[in-house]
N, C-alpha and C. Protein backbone atom coordinates (compact mmCIF):
# COMPACT_ATOMS: atom_id res chain seq x y z
N MET A 1 -21.86 -22.82 -0.55
CA MET A 1 -20.60 -22.33 -0.24
C MET A 1 -19.54 -22.86 -1.22
N ALA A 2 -18.56 -22.01 -1.52
CA ALA A 2 -17.49 -22.46 -2.59
C ALA A 2 -16.64 -23.51 -1.94
N ASP A 3 -16.10 -24.31 -2.90
CA ASP A 3 -15.02 -25.36 -2.46
C ASP A 3 -13.77 -24.48 -2.08
N LEU A 4 -13.46 -24.58 -0.82
CA LEU A 4 -12.24 -23.95 -0.27
C LEU A 4 -10.97 -24.74 -0.20
N ASN A 5 -11.00 -25.85 -0.73
CA ASN A 5 -9.80 -26.73 -0.66
C ASN A 5 -8.92 -26.40 -1.80
N TYR A 6 -7.71 -26.22 -1.34
CA TYR A 6 -6.62 -25.69 -2.27
C TYR A 6 -6.01 -26.91 -2.92
N LYS A 7 -5.92 -26.94 -4.33
CA LYS A 7 -5.20 -27.94 -5.04
C LYS A 7 -4.18 -27.25 -5.94
N PRO A 8 -2.85 -27.28 -5.49
CA PRO A 8 -1.93 -26.66 -6.22
C PRO A 8 -1.65 -27.06 -7.59
N VAL A 9 -1.38 -26.21 -8.56
CA VAL A 9 -1.15 -26.61 -9.89
C VAL A 9 0.43 -26.64 -10.07
N ARG A 10 0.89 -27.68 -10.68
CA ARG A 10 2.32 -27.90 -10.90
C ARG A 10 2.88 -26.73 -11.75
N HIS A 11 4.05 -26.34 -11.44
CA HIS A 11 4.77 -25.26 -12.11
C HIS A 11 6.15 -25.42 -12.00
N ASP A 12 6.99 -25.44 -13.08
CA ASP A 12 8.34 -25.71 -13.03
C ASP A 12 9.01 -24.19 -13.12
N HIS A 13 9.17 -23.59 -12.05
CA HIS A 13 9.56 -22.21 -12.01
C HIS A 13 10.90 -22.09 -12.70
N ALA A 14 11.80 -22.96 -12.40
CA ALA A 14 13.21 -22.90 -13.06
C ALA A 14 13.08 -23.01 -14.50
N ALA A 15 12.34 -23.75 -15.01
CA ALA A 15 12.17 -24.02 -16.54
C ALA A 15 11.55 -22.71 -17.13
N PHE A 16 10.61 -22.10 -16.30
CA PHE A 16 9.96 -20.99 -16.91
C PHE A 16 10.88 -19.81 -16.92
N ILE A 17 11.77 -19.59 -15.84
CA ILE A 17 12.78 -18.57 -15.92
C ILE A 17 13.73 -18.77 -16.78
N ALA A 18 14.25 -19.97 -17.03
CA ALA A 18 15.30 -20.31 -18.09
C ALA A 18 14.85 -19.87 -19.50
N LYS A 19 13.57 -20.23 -19.84
CA LYS A 19 13.08 -19.77 -21.07
C LYS A 19 12.85 -18.27 -21.23
N ALA A 20 12.35 -17.65 -20.15
CA ALA A 20 12.18 -16.29 -20.04
C ALA A 20 13.40 -15.46 -20.33
N LYS A 21 14.53 -15.93 -19.79
CA LYS A 21 15.79 -15.25 -19.76
C LYS A 21 16.30 -15.15 -21.28
N GLN A 22 15.74 -15.84 -22.06
CA GLN A 22 16.13 -15.74 -23.48
C GLN A 22 15.66 -14.61 -24.14
N ARG A 23 14.60 -13.94 -23.65
CA ARG A 23 13.97 -12.70 -24.17
C ARG A 23 14.82 -11.55 -23.80
N ALA A 24 14.94 -10.59 -24.72
CA ALA A 24 15.63 -9.33 -24.61
C ALA A 24 15.08 -8.52 -23.48
N GLY A 25 15.93 -8.04 -22.61
CA GLY A 25 15.59 -7.19 -21.48
C GLY A 25 14.95 -7.84 -20.29
N PHE A 26 14.57 -9.25 -20.36
CA PHE A 26 14.10 -9.92 -19.35
C PHE A 26 14.84 -9.77 -18.03
N THR A 27 16.11 -10.12 -18.09
CA THR A 27 17.00 -10.17 -16.86
C THR A 27 16.99 -8.83 -16.10
N ASP A 28 17.11 -7.66 -16.77
CA ASP A 28 17.14 -6.50 -16.14
C ASP A 28 15.81 -6.06 -15.38
N ALA A 29 14.66 -6.38 -16.19
CA ALA A 29 13.39 -6.22 -15.59
C ALA A 29 13.08 -7.11 -14.43
N TYR A 30 13.54 -8.34 -14.46
CA TYR A 30 13.39 -9.28 -13.49
C TYR A 30 14.17 -8.86 -12.20
N ASP A 31 15.44 -8.46 -12.48
CA ASP A 31 16.23 -7.95 -11.29
C ASP A 31 15.73 -6.77 -10.58
N GLU A 32 15.09 -5.96 -11.31
CA GLU A 32 14.52 -4.74 -10.76
C GLU A 32 13.26 -5.17 -9.76
N LEU A 33 12.62 -6.26 -10.02
CA LEU A 33 11.53 -6.66 -9.34
C LEU A 33 11.83 -7.80 -8.36
N GLU A 34 13.04 -8.02 -8.11
CA GLU A 34 13.59 -9.19 -7.26
C GLU A 34 12.77 -9.21 -5.89
N LEU A 35 12.75 -8.03 -5.17
CA LEU A 35 12.04 -8.10 -3.93
C LEU A 35 10.61 -8.44 -4.01
N GLU A 36 9.97 -7.81 -4.99
CA GLU A 36 8.54 -8.07 -5.18
C GLU A 36 8.27 -9.59 -5.50
N TYR A 37 9.16 -10.20 -6.42
CA TYR A 37 8.99 -11.61 -6.75
C TYR A 37 9.23 -12.50 -5.56
N ALA A 38 10.27 -12.11 -4.65
CA ALA A 38 10.47 -12.81 -3.36
C ALA A 38 9.27 -12.78 -2.48
N LEU A 39 8.63 -11.61 -2.35
CA LEU A 39 7.48 -11.56 -1.44
C LEU A 39 6.28 -12.19 -2.00
N ALA A 40 6.02 -12.19 -3.24
CA ALA A 40 4.98 -12.95 -3.98
C ALA A 40 5.19 -14.50 -3.70
N SER A 41 6.37 -14.87 -3.86
CA SER A 41 6.81 -16.24 -3.66
C SER A 41 6.50 -16.73 -2.32
N GLN A 42 6.89 -16.00 -1.27
CA GLN A 42 6.63 -16.27 0.05
C GLN A 42 5.14 -16.35 0.41
N MET A 43 4.42 -15.42 -0.26
CA MET A 43 2.90 -15.37 0.03
C MET A 43 2.32 -16.62 -0.50
N LEU A 44 2.64 -17.01 -1.79
CA LEU A 44 2.01 -18.15 -2.37
C LEU A 44 2.47 -19.52 -1.56
N THR A 45 3.73 -19.46 -1.19
CA THR A 45 4.15 -20.66 -0.30
C THR A 45 3.31 -20.74 0.93
N ALA A 46 3.17 -19.66 1.59
CA ALA A 46 2.46 -19.56 2.96
C ALA A 46 0.95 -20.00 2.74
N ARG A 47 0.34 -19.52 1.67
CA ARG A 47 -0.98 -19.91 1.39
C ARG A 47 -1.14 -21.32 1.01
N SER A 48 -0.18 -21.89 0.35
CA SER A 48 -0.15 -23.29 -0.12
C SER A 48 0.01 -24.15 1.15
N LYS A 49 0.92 -23.75 2.03
CA LYS A 49 1.11 -24.63 3.21
C LYS A 49 -0.06 -24.47 4.18
N ALA A 50 -0.87 -23.45 4.10
CA ALA A 50 -2.10 -23.37 4.91
C ALA A 50 -3.23 -24.11 4.23
N GLY A 51 -3.00 -24.45 2.99
CA GLY A 51 -4.07 -25.31 2.33
C GLY A 51 -5.26 -24.34 2.02
N LEU A 52 -5.03 -23.13 1.64
CA LEU A 52 -6.05 -22.17 1.38
C LEU A 52 -6.18 -21.70 -0.02
N THR A 53 -7.44 -21.49 -0.55
CA THR A 53 -7.51 -20.94 -1.90
C THR A 53 -7.45 -19.34 -1.73
N GLN A 54 -7.42 -18.67 -2.78
CA GLN A 54 -7.49 -17.19 -2.78
C GLN A 54 -8.87 -16.82 -2.22
N ASP A 55 -9.93 -17.50 -2.58
CA ASP A 55 -11.26 -17.27 -2.04
C ASP A 55 -11.24 -17.31 -0.46
N ALA A 56 -10.58 -18.41 0.01
CA ALA A 56 -10.57 -18.59 1.49
C ALA A 56 -9.85 -17.46 2.28
N VAL A 57 -8.67 -17.08 1.55
CA VAL A 57 -7.85 -15.97 2.18
C VAL A 57 -8.75 -14.66 2.13
N ALA A 58 -9.31 -14.44 1.01
CA ALA A 58 -10.28 -13.33 0.93
C ALA A 58 -11.24 -13.24 1.97
N GLU A 59 -11.98 -14.37 2.20
CA GLU A 59 -12.97 -14.46 3.17
C GLU A 59 -12.39 -13.97 4.52
N ARG A 60 -11.30 -14.67 4.89
CA ARG A 60 -10.71 -14.30 6.20
C ARG A 60 -10.22 -12.84 6.30
N MET A 61 -9.84 -12.18 5.20
CA MET A 61 -9.47 -10.89 5.31
C MET A 61 -10.68 -9.81 5.05
N GLY A 62 -11.70 -10.34 4.66
CA GLY A 62 -12.92 -9.48 4.43
C GLY A 62 -12.69 -8.66 3.11
N THR A 63 -12.21 -9.38 2.20
CA THR A 63 -11.99 -8.73 0.77
C THR A 63 -12.45 -9.64 -0.29
N THR A 64 -11.98 -9.38 -1.48
CA THR A 64 -12.25 -10.19 -2.69
C THR A 64 -11.15 -11.09 -3.19
N LYS A 65 -11.42 -12.13 -3.89
CA LYS A 65 -10.49 -12.94 -4.49
C LYS A 65 -9.64 -12.07 -5.49
N SER A 66 -10.19 -11.19 -6.19
CA SER A 66 -9.42 -10.51 -7.09
C SER A 66 -8.29 -9.49 -6.40
N ALA A 67 -8.73 -9.02 -5.18
CA ALA A 67 -7.67 -8.36 -4.44
C ALA A 67 -6.68 -9.23 -3.96
N ILE A 68 -6.95 -10.41 -3.63
CA ILE A 68 -5.89 -11.34 -3.17
C ILE A 68 -5.03 -11.69 -4.40
N SER A 69 -5.69 -11.81 -5.54
CA SER A 69 -4.79 -12.07 -6.79
C SER A 69 -3.88 -11.00 -7.09
N ARG A 70 -4.29 -9.76 -6.86
CA ARG A 70 -3.32 -8.57 -7.17
C ARG A 70 -2.23 -8.62 -6.17
N LEU A 71 -2.61 -8.94 -4.83
CA LEU A 71 -1.59 -8.98 -3.81
C LEU A 71 -0.40 -10.01 -4.12
N GLU A 72 -0.80 -11.10 -4.71
CA GLU A 72 0.09 -12.11 -5.02
C GLU A 72 0.78 -12.07 -6.49
N SER A 73 0.55 -10.98 -7.07
CA SER A 73 1.11 -10.67 -8.33
C SER A 73 2.34 -9.68 -8.13
N ALA A 74 3.47 -10.19 -8.28
CA ALA A 74 4.59 -9.38 -8.17
C ALA A 74 4.67 -8.12 -9.09
N GLY A 75 5.08 -6.91 -8.68
CA GLY A 75 5.20 -5.85 -9.40
C GLY A 75 3.93 -5.19 -9.93
N ARG A 76 2.78 -5.64 -9.59
CA ARG A 76 1.56 -5.08 -10.16
C ARG A 76 0.81 -4.32 -9.01
N HIS A 77 1.16 -4.48 -7.78
CA HIS A 77 0.55 -3.90 -6.71
C HIS A 77 1.62 -3.57 -5.55
N ALA A 78 1.48 -2.56 -4.85
CA ALA A 78 2.33 -2.31 -3.75
C ALA A 78 1.32 -2.25 -2.48
N PRO A 79 1.30 -3.34 -1.78
CA PRO A 79 0.42 -3.40 -0.65
C PRO A 79 0.91 -2.60 0.55
N SER A 80 0.05 -2.12 1.46
CA SER A 80 0.53 -1.44 2.60
C SER A 80 0.89 -2.60 3.63
N LEU A 81 1.64 -2.01 4.70
CA LEU A 81 2.03 -3.01 5.72
C LEU A 81 0.87 -3.49 6.37
N ALA A 82 -0.29 -2.71 6.61
CA ALA A 82 -1.52 -3.28 7.16
C ALA A 82 -2.11 -4.28 6.42
N THR A 83 -1.97 -4.17 5.16
CA THR A 83 -2.66 -5.32 4.27
C THR A 83 -1.80 -6.49 4.39
N LEU A 84 -0.49 -6.33 4.32
CA LEU A 84 0.42 -7.50 4.58
C LEU A 84 0.28 -8.23 5.82
N LYS A 85 0.07 -7.53 6.80
CA LYS A 85 -0.25 -8.16 8.30
C LYS A 85 -1.54 -8.80 8.15
N LYS A 86 -2.55 -8.33 7.48
CA LYS A 86 -3.81 -9.03 7.45
C LYS A 86 -3.68 -10.25 6.60
N TYR A 87 -2.90 -10.32 5.59
CA TYR A 87 -2.66 -11.56 4.65
C TYR A 87 -1.92 -12.53 5.55
N ALA A 88 -0.90 -12.02 6.24
CA ALA A 88 -0.05 -12.93 7.02
C ALA A 88 -0.83 -13.70 8.07
N SER A 89 -1.74 -12.91 8.75
CA SER A 89 -2.61 -13.48 9.82
C SER A 89 -3.64 -14.50 9.09
N ALA A 90 -4.20 -14.14 7.90
CA ALA A 90 -5.17 -15.05 7.28
C ALA A 90 -4.45 -16.38 6.87
N VAL A 91 -3.27 -16.47 6.59
CA VAL A 91 -2.63 -17.64 6.30
C VAL A 91 -1.73 -18.33 7.40
N GLY A 92 -2.02 -17.77 8.61
CA GLY A 92 -1.37 -18.40 9.74
C GLY A 92 0.12 -18.10 9.95
N CYS A 93 0.48 -16.91 9.52
CA CYS A 93 1.77 -16.53 9.69
C CYS A 93 1.99 -15.11 10.42
N ASP A 94 3.21 -14.79 10.88
CA ASP A 94 3.60 -13.47 11.37
C ASP A 94 4.32 -12.73 10.20
N LEU A 95 4.19 -11.46 10.20
CA LEU A 95 4.96 -10.65 9.13
C LEU A 95 6.10 -10.04 9.75
N GLN A 96 7.35 -10.17 9.16
CA GLN A 96 8.62 -9.60 9.63
C GLN A 96 9.05 -8.71 8.54
N VAL A 97 9.57 -7.47 8.81
CA VAL A 97 10.09 -6.60 7.88
C VAL A 97 11.45 -6.09 8.50
N LYS A 98 12.49 -6.16 7.78
CA LYS A 98 13.73 -5.63 8.25
C LYS A 98 14.55 -4.96 7.21
N LEU A 99 15.31 -3.98 7.67
CA LEU A 99 16.26 -3.30 6.85
C LEU A 99 17.72 -3.86 7.04
N VAL A 100 18.29 -4.15 5.80
CA VAL A 100 19.55 -4.87 5.81
C VAL A 100 20.49 -3.86 5.17
N PRO A 101 21.64 -3.49 5.88
CA PRO A 101 22.57 -2.63 5.32
C PRO A 101 23.17 -3.10 4.10
N HIS A 102 23.54 -2.31 3.10
CA HIS A 102 24.19 -2.56 1.95
C HIS A 102 25.54 -3.25 2.14
N LYS A 103 25.86 -4.13 1.37
CA LYS A 103 27.19 -4.72 1.41
C LYS A 103 28.30 -3.88 0.90
N SER A 104 29.32 -3.69 1.59
CA SER A 104 30.44 -2.92 1.11
C SER A 104 31.19 -3.52 -0.12
N SER A 105 31.45 -2.71 -1.05
CA SER A 105 32.21 -3.20 -2.25
C SER A 105 33.68 -3.20 -1.97
């Protein structure tokens, strides 16, 4: 059986974003994917807190590690609510979805 103990890799996200912002067009592209990045970040955080690898989550969901990798990649895949519910359950979370009215200018 595969080693299912999760060992997080250190990543300085703030430094990564600061460097990336120097590239032309990055800020506009990043802003367009803000919701996707927020969701991906929450998924990675939940999996990390659960101490699970992508393999372990895939096993719990009855799918493959590559499918979990796609789910956790912002902007590359638009998962269904059913899939997000399965992921949430696999990492010991509940899924909440809400609509928030636009702020008046």
